[in-house]
Amino acid sequence: MLLYADKIEEMKTICWFCGKKAIMNLRFHDGKPVYEGEQIQMGGNESYYPVCRKHYYNPLIKQQSEENI
């Protein structure tokens, strides 16, 4: 699609976890990151988070033991 575009505009956003430039979107389901399965899921802020490359592979999620304290 970029080949046919007359104009390309970057939508700047920041990482949900650290505030650096976000270059990826990470989908969450029940508080856990999803890397496999359906490629597209309907949803908004409750399902997708903008993240940097570091936090795409290592998102800061609460562990079960921390939630029970």
PDB file of N, CA and C in Angstrom:
ATOM      1  N   MET A   1       0.818  -1.187   0.000  1.00  0.00           N
ATOM      2  CA  MET A   1       0.000   0.000   0.000  1.00  0.00           C
ATOM      3  C   MET A   1       0.871   1.264   0.000  1.00  0.00           C
ATOM      4  N   LEU A   2       2.027   1.201   0.635  1.00  0.00           N
ATOM      5  CA  LEU A   2       2.885   2.381   0.654  1.00  0.00           C
ATOM      6  C   LEU A   2       3.311   2.792  -0.743  1.00  0.00           C
ATOM      7  N   LEU A   3       3.403   1.839  -1.638  1.00  0.00           N
ATOM      8  CA  LEU A   3       3.804   2.111  -3.010  1.00  0.00           C
ATOM      9  C   LEU A   3       2.821   3.057  -3.697  1.00  0.00           C
ATOM     10  N   TYR A   4       1.548   2.948  -3.384  1.00  0.00           N
ATOM     11  CA  TYR A   4       0.509   3.738  -4.022  1.00  0.00           C
ATOM     12  C   TYR A   4       0.135   5.004  -3.257  1.00  0.00           C
ATOM     13  N   ALA A   5       0.714   5.209  -2.101  1.00  0.00           N
ATOM     14  CA  ALA A   5       0.347   6.364  -1.274  1.00  0.00           C
ATOM     15  C   ALA A   5       0.906   7.664  -1.851  1.00  0.00           C
ATOM     16  N   ASP A   6       0.086   8.699  -1.844  1.00  0.00           N
ATOM     17  CA  ASP A   6       0.536  10.025  -2.246  1.00  0.00           C
ATOM     18  C   ASP A   6       1.213  10.743  -1.084  1.00  0.00           C
ATOM     19  N   LYS A   7       0.806  10.383   0.120  1.00  0.00           N
ATOM     20  CA  LYS A   7       1.328  11.042   1.310  1.00  0.00           C
ATOM     21  C   LYS A   7       1.413  10.022   2.436  1.00  0.00           C
ATOM     22  N   ILE A   8       2.518  10.042   3.168  1.00  0.00           N
ATOM     23  CA  ILE A   8       2.692   9.156   4.325  1.00  0.00           C
ATOM     24  C   ILE A   8       2.880  10.045   5.547  1.00  0.00           C
ATOM     25  N   GLU A   9       2.063   9.820   6.555  1.00  0.00           N
ATOM     26  CA  GLU A   9       2.139  10.628   7.761  1.00  0.00           C
ATOM     27  C   GLU A   9       2.304   9.706   8.965  1.00  0.00           C
ATOM     28  N   GLU A  10       3.335   9.958   9.761  1.00  0.00           N
ATOM     29  CA  GLU A  10       3.596   9.140  10.947  1.00  0.00           C
ATOM     30  C   GLU A  10       2.686   9.590  12.084  1.00  0.00           C
ATOM     31  N   MET A  11       2.043   8.616  12.715  1.00  0.00           N
ATOM     32  CA  MET A  11       1.236   8.898  13.898  1.00  0.00           C
ATOM     33  C   MET A  11       2.101   8.573  15.114  1.00  0.00           C
ATOM     34  N   LYS A  12       2.561   9.593  15.790  1.00  0.00           N
ATOM     35  CA  LYS A  12       3.476   9.401  16.906  1.00  0.00           C
ATOM     36  C   LYS A  12       2.703   9.058  18.167  1.00  0.00           C
ATOM     37  N   THR A  13       3.221   8.068  18.886  1.00  0.00           N
ATOM     38  CA  THR A  13       2.637   7.670  20.168  1.00  0.00           C
ATOM     39  C   THR A  13       3.760   7.167  21.063  1.00  0.00           C
ATOM     40  N   ILE A  14       3.458   7.031  22.338  1.00  0.00           N
ATOM     41  CA  ILE A  14       4.491   6.612  23.292  1.00  0.00           C
ATOM     42  C   ILE A  14       4.151   5.250  23.891  1.00  0.00           C
ATOM     43  N   CYS A  15       5.191   4.565  24.368  1.00  0.00           N
ATOM     44  CA  CYS A  15       5.051   3.245  24.978  1.00  0.00           C
ATOM     45  C   CYS A  15       4.186   3.332  26.235  1.00  0.00           C
ATOM     46  N   TRP A  16       3.276   2.401  26.360  1.00  0.00           N
ATOM     47  CA  TRP A  16       2.366   2.322  27.499  1.00  0.00           C
ATOM     48  C   TRP A  16       3.122   2.149  28.809  1.00  0.00           C
ATOM     49  N   PHE A  17       4.307   1.527  28.764  1.00  0.00           N
ATOM     50  CA  PHE A  17       5.050   1.178  29.975  1.00  0.00           C
ATOM     51  C   PHE A  17       6.157   2.166  30.335  1.00  0.00           C
ATOM     52  N   CYS A  18       6.896   2.692  29.332  1.00  0.00           N
ATOM     53  CA  CYS A  18       8.076   3.491  29.671  1.00  0.00           C
ATOM     54  C   CYS A  18       8.060   4.912  29.118  1.00  0.00           C
ATOM     55  N   GLY A  19       7.175   5.232  28.204  1.00  0.00           N
ATOM     56  CA  GLY A  19       7.098   6.577  27.663  1.00  0.00           C
ATOM     57  C   GLY A  19       7.994   6.843  26.472  1.00  0.00           C
ATOM     58  N   LYS A  20       8.770   5.857  26.023  1.00  0.00           N
ATOM     59  CA  LYS A  20       9.584   6.020  24.823  1.00  0.00           C
ATOM     60  C   LYS A  20       8.690   5.889  23.593  1.00  0.00           C
ATOM     61  N   LYS A  21       9.269   6.131  22.418  1.00  0.00           N
ATOM     62  CA  LYS A  21       8.508   6.054  21.181  1.00  0.00           C
ATOM     63  C   LYS A  21       7.981   4.636  20.961  1.00  0.00           C
ATOM     64  N   ALA A  22       6.689   4.511  20.741  1.00  0.00           N
ATOM     65  CA  ALA A  22       6.065   3.207  20.490  1.00  0.00           C
ATOM     66  C   ALA A  22       6.107   2.923  18.993  1.00  0.00           C
ATOM     67  N   ILE A  23       6.566   1.716  18.639  1.00  0.00           N
ATOM     68  CA  ILE A  23       6.626   1.326  17.236  1.00  0.00           C
ATOM     69  C   ILE A  23       5.820   0.059  16.967  1.00  0.00           C
ATOM     70  N   MET A  24       5.224  -0.512  18.007  1.00  0.00           N
ATOM     71  CA  MET A  24       4.461  -1.746  17.866  1.00  0.00           C
ATOM     72  C   MET A  24       3.181  -1.656  18.682  1.00  0.00           C
ATOM     73  N   ASN A  25       2.234  -2.543  18.387  1.00  0.00           N
ATOM     74  CA  ASN A  25       1.011  -2.685  19.168  1.00  0.00           C
ATOM     75  C   ASN A  25       0.993  -4.072  19.773  1.00  0.00           C
ATOM     76  N   LEU A  26       0.723  -4.165  21.064  1.00  0.00           N
ATOM     77  CA  LEU A  26       0.680  -5.442  21.763  1.00  0.00           C
ATOM     78  C   LEU A  26      -0.747  -5.700  22.215  1.00  0.00           C
ATOM     79  N   ARG A  27      -1.256  -6.865  21.844  1.00  0.00           N
ATOM     80  CA  ARG A  27      -2.629  -7.228  22.220  1.00  0.00           C
ATOM     81  C   ARG A  27      -2.602  -7.968  23.548  1.00  0.00           C
ATOM     82  N   PHE A  28      -3.531  -7.618  24.433  1.00  0.00           N
ATOM     83  CA  PHE A  28      -3.676  -8.285  25.723  1.00  0.00           C
ATOM     84  C   PHE A  28      -5.036  -8.954  25.796  1.00  0.00           C
ATOM     85  N   HIS A  29      -5.081 -10.103  26.461  1.00  0.00           N
ATOM     86  CA  HIS A  29      -6.336 -10.799  26.734  1.00  0.00           C
ATOM     87  C   HIS A  29      -6.252 -11.326  28.159  1.00  0.00           C
ATOM     88  N   ASP A  30      -7.188 -10.944  29.006  1.00  0.00           N
ATOM     89  CA  ASP A  30      -7.200 -11.314  30.428  1.00  0.00           C
ATOM     90  C   ASP A  30      -5.897 -10.929  31.116  1.00  0.00           C
ATOM     91  N   GLY A  31      -5.350  -9.775  30.763  1.00  0.00           N
ATOM     92  CA  GLY A  31      -4.147  -9.265  31.412  1.00  0.00           C
ATOM     93  C   GLY A  31      -2.851  -9.900  30.973  1.00  0.00           C
ATOM     94  N   LYS A  32      -2.895 -10.733  29.938  1.00  0.00           N
ATOM     95  CA  LYS A  32      -1.683 -11.406  29.452  1.00  0.00           C
ATOM     96  C   LYS A  32      -1.476 -11.057  27.978  1.00  0.00           C
ATOM     97  N   PRO A  33      -0.189 -10.873  27.565  1.00  0.00           N
ATOM     98  CA  PRO A  33       0.073 -10.551  26.160  1.00  0.00           C
ATOM     99  C   PRO A  33      -0.250 -11.733  25.250  1.00  0.00           C
ATOM    100  N   VAL A  34      -0.746 -11.431  24.057  1.00  0.00           N
ATOM    101  CA  VAL A  34      -1.104 -12.459  23.075  1.00  0.00           C
ATOM    102  C   VAL A  34      -0.164 -12.331  21.883  1.00  0.00           C
ATOM    103  N   TYR A  35       0.566 -13.409  21.584  1.00  0.00           N
ATOM    104  CA  TYR A  35       1.489 -13.418  20.462  1.00  0.00           C
ATOM    105  C   TYR A  35       1.045 -14.386  19.364  1.00  0.00           C
ATOM    106  N   GLU A  36       0.112 -15.275  19.669  1.00  0.00           N
ATOM    107  CA  GLU A  36      -0.355 -16.268  18.710  1.00  0.00           C
ATOM    108  C   GLU A  36      -1.876 -16.245  18.665  1.00  0.00           C
ATOM    109  N   GLY A  37      -2.435 -16.841  17.623  1.00  0.00           N
ATOM    110  CA  GLY A  37      -3.887 -16.914  17.513  1.00  0.00           C
ATOM    111  C   GLY A  37      -4.391 -16.025  16.410  1.00  0.00           C
ATOM    112  N   GLU A  38      -5.618 -15.556  16.558  1.00  0.00           N
ATOM    113  CA  GLU A  38      -6.231 -14.702  15.548  1.00  0.00           C
ATOM    114  C   GLU A  38      -5.375 -13.454  15.339  1.00  0.00           C
ATOM    115  N   GLN A  39      -5.187 -13.084  14.093  1.00  0.00           N
ATOM    116  CA  GLN A  39      -4.351 -11.943  13.782  1.00  0.00           C
ATOM    117  C   GLN A  39      -5.035 -10.626  14.128  1.00  0.00           C
ATOM    118  N   ILE A  40      -6.348 -10.587  13.981  1.00  0.00           N
ATOM    119  CA  ILE A  40      -7.101  -9.362  14.259  1.00  0.00           C
ATOM    120  C   ILE A  40      -8.204  -9.669  15.253  1.00  0.00           C
ATOM    121  N   GLN A  41      -8.350  -8.786  16.239  1.00  0.00           N
ATOM    122  CA  GLN A  41      -9.422  -8.910  17.219  1.00  0.00           C
ATOM    123  C   GLN A  41     -10.057  -7.534  17.372  1.00  0.00           C
ATOM    124  N   MET A  42     -11.360  -7.495  17.353  1.00  0.00           N
ATOM    125  CA  MET A  42     -12.041  -6.223  17.543  1.00  0.00           C
ATOM    126  C   MET A  42     -11.820  -5.753  18.971  1.00  0.00           C
ATOM    127  N   GLY A  43     -11.468  -4.522  19.123  1.00  0.00           N
ATOM    128  CA  GLY A  43     -11.252  -3.973  20.451  1.00  0.00           C
ATOM    129  C   GLY A  43     -10.497  -2.666  20.363  1.00  0.00           C
ATOM    130  N   GLY A  44     -10.406  -2.001  21.457  1.00  0.00           N
ATOM    131  CA  GLY A  44      -9.729  -0.716  21.498  1.00  0.00           C
ATOM    132  C   GLY A  44      -8.687  -0.695  22.586  1.00  0.00           C
ATOM    133  N   ASN A  45      -8.791   0.295  23.456  1.00  0.00           N
ATOM    134  CA  ASN A  45      -7.806   0.474  24.512  1.00  0.00           C
ATOM    135  C   ASN A  45      -7.744  -0.698  25.478  1.00  0.00           C
ATOM    136  N   GLU A  46      -8.834  -1.463  25.589  1.00  0.00           N
ATOM    137  CA  GLU A  46      -8.818  -2.589  26.516  1.00  0.00           C
ATOM    138  C   GLU A  46      -8.078  -3.796  25.942  1.00  0.00           C
ATOM    139  N   SER A  47      -7.793  -3.800  24.630  1.00  0.00           N
ATOM    140  CA  SER A  47      -7.156  -4.960  23.996  1.00  0.00           C
ATOM    141  C   SER A  47      -5.764  -4.680  23.459  1.00  0.00           C
ATOM    142  N   TYR A  48      -5.533  -3.488  22.942  1.00  0.00           N
ATOM    143  CA  TYR A  48      -4.266  -3.158  22.287  1.00  0.00           C
ATOM    144  C   TYR A  48      -3.562  -2.015  23.006  1.00  0.00           C
ATOM    145  N   TYR A  49      -2.236  -2.159  23.180  1.00  0.00           N
ATOM    146  CA  TYR A  49      -1.436  -1.131  23.827  1.00  0.00           C
ATOM    147  C   TYR A  49      -0.251  -0.780  22.937  1.00  0.00           C
ATOM    148  N   PRO A  50       0.045   0.516  22.759  1.00  0.00           N
ATOM    149  CA  PRO A  50       1.246   0.900  22.017  1.00  0.00           C
ATOM    150  C   PRO A  50       2.462   0.632  22.889  1.00  0.00           C
ATOM    151  N   VAL A  51       3.478  -0.011  22.319  1.00  0.00           N
ATOM    152  CA  VAL A  51       4.675  -0.359  23.087  1.00  0.00           C
ATOM    153  C   VAL A  51       5.931  -0.172  22.248  1.00  0.00           C
ATOM    154  N   CYS A  52       7.065  -0.003  22.930  1.00  0.00           N
ATOM    155  CA  CYS A  52       8.366   0.018  22.267  1.00  0.00           C
ATOM    156  C   CYS A  52       8.802  -1.435  22.038  1.00  0.00           C
ATOM    157  N   ARG A  53       9.888  -1.620  21.308  1.00  0.00           N
ATOM    158  CA  ARG A  53      10.353  -2.974  21.002  1.00  0.00           C
ATOM    159  C   ARG A  53      10.696  -3.754  22.283  1.00  0.00           C
ATOM    160  N   LYS A  54      11.328  -3.090  23.242  1.00  0.00           N
ATOM    161  CA  LYS A  54      11.714  -3.755  24.500  1.00  0.00           C
ATOM    162  C   LYS A  54      10.494  -4.322  25.217  1.00  0.00           C
ATOM    163  N   HIS A  55       9.448  -3.523  25.350  1.00  0.00           N
ATOM    164  CA  HIS A  55       8.285  -3.964  26.104  1.00  0.00           C
ATOM    165  C   HIS A  55       7.336  -4.838  25.282  1.00  0.00           C
ATOM    166  N   TYR A  56       7.533  -4.919  23.967  1.00  0.00           N
ATOM    167  CA  TYR A  56       6.758  -5.863  23.167  1.00  0.00           C
ATOM    168  C   TYR A  56       7.157  -7.288  23.562  1.00  0.00           C
ATOM    169  N   TYR A  57       8.451  -7.497  23.732  1.00  0.00           N
ATOM    170  CA  TYR A  57       8.941  -8.828  24.082  1.00  0.00           C
ATOM    171  C   TYR A  57       8.989  -9.071  25.589  1.00  0.00           C
ATOM    172  N   ASN A  58       9.024  -8.011  26.387  1.00  0.00           N
ATOM    173  CA  ASN A  58       9.085  -8.126  27.844  1.00  0.00           C
ATOM    174  C   ASN A  58       8.130  -7.131  28.500  1.00  0.00           C
ATOM    175  N   PRO A  59       6.820  -7.318  28.324  1.00  0.00           N
ATOM    176  CA  PRO A  59       5.876  -6.360  28.913  1.00  0.00           C
ATOM    177  C   PRO A  59       5.868  -6.448  30.433  1.00  0.00           C
ATOM    178  N   LEU A  60       5.646  -5.315  31.065  1.00  0.00           N
ATOM    179  CA  LEU A  60       5.572  -5.266  32.524  1.00  0.00           C
ATOM    180  C   LEU A  60       4.158  -5.648  32.944  1.00  0.00           C
ATOM    181  N   ILE A  61       3.984  -6.894  33.328  1.00  0.00           N
ATOM    182  CA  ILE A  61       2.662  -7.359  33.755  1.00  0.00           C
ATOM    183  C   ILE A  61       2.740  -7.798  35.203  1.00  0.00           C
ATOM    184  N   LYS A  62       1.629  -7.661  35.905  1.00  0.00           N
ATOM    185  CA  LYS A  62       1.568  -8.076  37.304  1.00  0.00           C
ATOM    186  C   LYS A  62       1.554  -9.594  37.389  1.00  0.00           C
ATOM    187  N   GLN A  63       2.334 -10.133  38.304  1.00  0.00           N
ATOM    188  CA  GLN A  63       2.364 -11.564  38.523  1.00  0.00           C
ATOM    189  C   GLN A  63       1.208 -11.953  39.439  1.00  0.00           C
ATOM    190  N   GLN A  64       0.761 -13.181  39.369  1.00  0.00           N
ATOM    191  CA  GLN A  64      -0.343 -13.663  40.193  1.00  0.00           C
ATOM    192  C   GLN A  64      -0.052 -13.465  41.678  1.00  0.00           C
ATOM    193  N   SER A  65       1.194 -13.722  42.100  1.00  0.00           N
ATOM    194  CA  SER A  65       1.525 -13.608  43.518  1.00  0.00           C
ATOM    195  C   SER A  65       1.428 -12.161  44.001  1.00  0.00           C
ATOM    196  N   GLU A  66       1.753 -11.194  43.140  1.00  0.00           N
ATOM    197  CA  GLU A  66       1.661  -9.778  43.516  1.00  0.00           C
ATOM    198  C   GLU A  66       0.215  -9.332  43.646  1.00  0.00           C
ATOM    199  N   GLU A  67      -0.670  -9.892  42.848  1.00  0.00           N
ATOM    200  CA  GLU A  67      -2.071  -9.504  42.889  1.00  0.00           C
ATOM    201  C   GLU A  67      -2.758  -9.967  44.164  1.00  0.00           C
ATOM    202  N   ASN A  68      -2.282 -11.056  44.746  1.00  0.00           N
ATOM    203  CA  ASN A  68      -2.910 -11.619  45.945  1.00  0.00           C
ATOM    204  C   ASN A  68      -2.410 -10.980  47.223  1.00  0.00           C
ATOM    205  N   ILE A  69      -1.438 -10.084  47.149  1.00  0.00           N
ATOM    206  CA  ILE A  69      -0.882  -9.466  48.360  1.00  0.00           C
ATOM    207  C   ILE A  69      -1.762  -8.335  48.818  1.00  0.00           C
TER     208      ILE A  69
END
